[in-house]
């Protein structure tokens, strides 16, 4: 059996493609047999590793690819906490991450960046907005496939749910959300973003009691990051001169000024 046939049988596709290069580099560096074998296997492993990452990125359905290195930290964010989260111990422990803050402060960027860390470490990740989630769950229930879809959504080690609170949920939708959270409780991690504080979640889910039950499961094992600051998008517009650096505030006339104006009229 030829070397090419052996590589094919072993499914060493990446090494087969790079074999000439690996051999030339080994010769130029005067590697011994053991070192050459390590280089060859490293080539195959690297190819499989990046192919796996590419596959998991496609499965994750991320809205864009963002990394922690690209993240512009707001002063309110504790870098130490983010650094600890990037180690992914929360994924191993099936804990949750909740990112709170007004629109445009980087919640989704941070959620996606943590998702990318998980993907690079070999975990399966799925990204959905809450609106997409509700559409999928409602359709599944109408088609008598709800249990199957809940099982599918329980499978990813990290499920990112974006934009909780941007649109209120009906009580029926809130019940579906509760079922999903209960399915994943202490089994797999959730990363959630919301523009609403926890005290407002009763309004978001249309039922304070149900909201409390959801929060009870979400926050039992979790890390919450409350991001404060100005929208990055507004900052960019201000830098481009599309917004005033300081909003103009019209001074309110005093009582004496109002009397003078009336007398002159």
Foldseek 3Di string as FASTA:
>chain_A
DDPLVVCVVVVLVQLSVCVVVLVVVCVVVVPDPVVSVVSSVVRSVVVVLVVQLVVLVVQQPQPDAAAPVPDDDDPQWDVVVLVVVLVVVCLVQQAEEEEEAAPQQCLSRSLNNSVSSCSSVPFRHHEDELVRVLVVQVVCVVVVNNVVVLVVLLPGQEYEYEEQPPAADELVSLVSVLVSLVSSQSPHYYYYYYHDDLVCVCRRNVHPVSSVSSCCRNVPGYHYRYDDDDRPVVVVCVVVVNDPPDDDDDDDDDPVVVVVVVVVD
